[in-house]
Every structure is written in structure tokens, then in C-alpha cells.
Protein backbone atom coordinates (compact mmCIF):
# COMPACT_ATOMS: atom_id res chain seq x y z
CA MET A 1 74.24 -40.60 -106.85
CA THR A 2 77.85 -41.20 -107.68
CA PHE A 3 80.00 -44.29 -107.29
CA VAL A 4 83.32 -43.92 -105.53
CA ARG A 5 85.66 -46.88 -104.95
CA GLY A 6 83.01 -49.54 -104.56
CA HIS A 7 80.46 -47.61 -102.52
CA VAL A 8 77.62 -45.27 -103.33
CA GLU A 9 78.05 -41.66 -102.34
CA LYS A 10 74.87 -39.64 -101.80
CA GLU A 11 74.41 -36.38 -103.64
CA SER A 12 75.53 -33.42 -101.62
CA SER A 13 72.81 -31.72 -99.61
CA SER A 14 74.83 -28.58 -99.09
CA PHE A 15 74.64 -25.13 -100.61
CA PRO A 16 77.94 -25.11 -102.54
CA ARG A 17 80.10 -22.01 -102.68
CA LYS A 18 79.81 -21.86 -106.49
CA GLU A 19 76.07 -21.23 -106.04
CA HIS A 20 76.60 -18.23 -103.76
CA LEU A 21 75.88 -14.84 -105.31
CA GLY A 22 77.69 -11.80 -103.97
CA GLY A 23 79.30 -8.49 -104.71
CA THR A 24 78.35 -6.66 -107.88
CA ASP A 25 76.36 -9.64 -109.20
CA LEU A 26 74.07 -9.38 -106.18
CA LEU A 27 73.53 -5.68 -106.83
CA LYS A 28 72.80 -6.28 -110.53
CA VAL A 29 70.04 -8.73 -109.64
CA MET A 30 68.55 -6.24 -107.17
CA VAL A 31 68.54 -3.47 -109.81
CA ARG A 32 67.47 -5.47 -112.90
CA GLY A 33 65.57 -8.39 -111.38
CA GLU A 34 61.89 -8.92 -110.79
CA LYS A 35 60.88 -8.21 -107.17
CA HIS A 36 58.43 -10.28 -105.11
CA THR A 37 57.58 -9.67 -101.47
CA CYS A 38 56.18 -11.62 -98.54
CA SER A 39 55.83 -10.61 -94.89
CA THR A 40 59.40 -11.49 -93.92
CA PHE A 41 61.61 -11.04 -96.98
CA HIS A 42 61.89 -9.69 -100.52
CA VAL A 43 63.03 -11.90 -103.41
CA TYR A 44 64.68 -10.52 -106.52
CA MET A 45 64.77 -12.97 -109.46
CA MET A 46 66.57 -12.70 -112.76
CA PRO A 47 66.90 -15.44 -115.42
CA ALA A 48 70.47 -16.68 -115.79
CA GLU A 49 72.55 -19.49 -117.30
CA GLU A 50 73.14 -21.18 -113.93
CA PHE A 51 71.49 -21.08 -110.53
CA ARG A 52 73.05 -18.78 -107.91
CA ALA A 53 71.59 -17.16 -104.79
CA GLY A 54 72.51 -14.53 -102.23
CA VAL A 55 71.06 -13.39 -98.91
CA CYS A 56 71.14 -9.89 -97.37
CA VAL A 57 70.28 -9.12 -93.75
CA SER A 58 70.47 -5.59 -92.35
CA ARG A 59 71.99 -4.75 -88.97
CA LYS A 60 68.64 -3.22 -88.08
CA LEU A 61 67.28 -6.75 -87.59
CA GLY A 62 69.63 -7.60 -84.74
CA GLY A 63 73.11 -8.57 -83.69
CA SER A 64 75.37 -10.92 -85.59
CA VAL A 65 73.91 -14.05 -84.01
CA VAL A 66 70.38 -13.11 -85.08
CA ARG A 67 71.48 -12.04 -88.57
CA ASN A 68 73.45 -15.25 -89.13
CA LYS A 69 70.48 -17.35 -87.98
CA ILE A 70 68.24 -15.57 -90.50
CA LYS A 71 70.82 -16.12 -93.26
CA ARG A 72 71.09 -19.84 -92.44
CA ILE A 73 67.31 -20.24 -92.51
CA LEU A 74 66.92 -18.40 -95.83
CA ARG A 75 69.81 -20.30 -97.45
CA GLU A 76 68.32 -23.59 -96.32
CA ALA A 77 64.93 -22.64 -97.81
CA VAL A 78 66.61 -21.75 -101.10
CA ARG A 79 68.60 -25.01 -101.10
CA LEU A 80 65.52 -27.13 -100.46
CA ASN A 81 63.37 -25.33 -103.05
CA LYS A 82 65.82 -24.85 -105.92
CA ARG A 83 64.71 -28.14 -107.49
CA PHE A 84 61.24 -26.61 -108.01
CA LEU A 85 62.56 -23.92 -110.36
CA SER A 86 61.56 -24.41 -113.99
CA ARG A 87 64.72 -22.70 -115.26
CA PRO A 88 68.00 -21.44 -113.76
CA CYS A 89 68.02 -17.96 -112.27
CA HIS A 90 69.83 -15.68 -109.90
CA LEU A 91 68.00 -15.07 -106.61
CA VAL A 92 68.59 -12.44 -103.95
CA LEU A 93 66.69 -12.66 -100.68
CA VAL A 94 66.57 -9.53 -98.51
CA ALA A 95 65.29 -10.06 -94.97
CA ARG A 96 62.65 -7.70 -93.61
CA GLU A 97 61.51 -6.92 -90.11
CA GLY A 98 59.81 -10.00 -88.74
CA ALA A 99 62.36 -12.40 -90.22
CA GLU A 100 63.71 -12.99 -86.72
CA SER A 101 60.82 -15.39 -86.02
CA LEU A 102 61.03 -17.18 -89.39
CA SER A 103 61.31 -20.97 -89.53
CA VAL A 104 62.70 -23.02 -92.41
CA ASP A 105 59.26 -24.47 -93.17
CA LYS A 106 57.64 -21.02 -93.34
CA ALA A 107 60.46 -19.70 -95.52
CA LYS A 108 60.14 -22.70 -97.87
CA GLY A 109 56.42 -22.07 -98.22
CA PHE A 110 56.83 -18.35 -98.90
CA LEU A 111 59.61 -18.98 -101.42
CA LEU A 112 57.66 -21.66 -103.31
CA GLY A 113 54.68 -19.30 -103.50
CA MET A 114 56.90 -16.57 -104.95
CA TYR A 115 58.29 -19.00 -107.54
CA GLY A 116 54.69 -19.60 -108.64
CA ASP A 117 53.92 -15.85 -108.73
CA ALA A 118 56.96 -15.30 -110.96
CA ASN A 119 56.07 -18.25 -113.22
CA MET A 120 59.38 -19.83 -112.23
CA ALA A 121 57.91 -22.94 -110.55
CA ASP A 122 58.09 -26.31 -112.24
CA GLY A 123 54.55 -27.57 -111.66
CA SER A 124 55.42 -31.24 -112.15
CA LYS A 125 57.92 -31.13 -109.26
CA ALA A 126 55.97 -28.79 -106.97
CA SER A 127 53.03 -31.20 -106.70
CA LYS A 128 55.23 -34.02 -105.33
């Protein structure tokens, strides 16, 4: 929490622009990073100095409305689970067929499981 002019301001619950990963950085993570897969998306992870994440959704999965919905769900799952990471990393999530029916809760569960598989989960926080 931060104090601003006599009142308490809550910490931001957004996914700030500085944490977005794109362009050539996104491709580097996909080439050099460790890949983990679940039924609805792939996750590429690479240790880094600061946390950043990117989401890729192919046109094969649907029109722009469907693709944007998938991106919003995956970004929200990343935002809610980033506190469970034991160390900063770059993440790239690539949606697969079946992601159209994904919910935020399912995505959070899959992502947390992949953090554990990659030994990136902070056990003390994940049990809370």
C-alpha cells in the first residue's frame, strides 16, 4: 500500500505495460526458454532480471473477439499467479486449440501446476 495525500491507495491490480513482453524478446523466450504444455496452452519460461509476460493467440482459434477473450483470460491468470514465482522470469503463453472454452480459474490452475513442474513455484506462497 502507498499513502497519497492523507489516504491509503491500494496496490494496483492491473497488468502494467512495463510487464508486457513483445517483439523480439518474445521470440527469444520461445527459442531459448523451457517449454511446458497443458491441454489449452504452452508456456515458455526463461529466468530474467525482472518479470515480464507475453501472450500469443493464432487466428486459427477464431475471430478477433475470441482471440482477445483468450488473451484477457491468460493475462489475468498470469497476473494473479505471478506472486507464486520463486524468482523473476520471462513467460510466453501460446494458446492451443481448446483455449476458447478456458476460464480464468482453469488457466490459473494450469499455470500454477506448470510453475511447480519448472521448479519456479514459491512453495511458501502457493500453499496459502
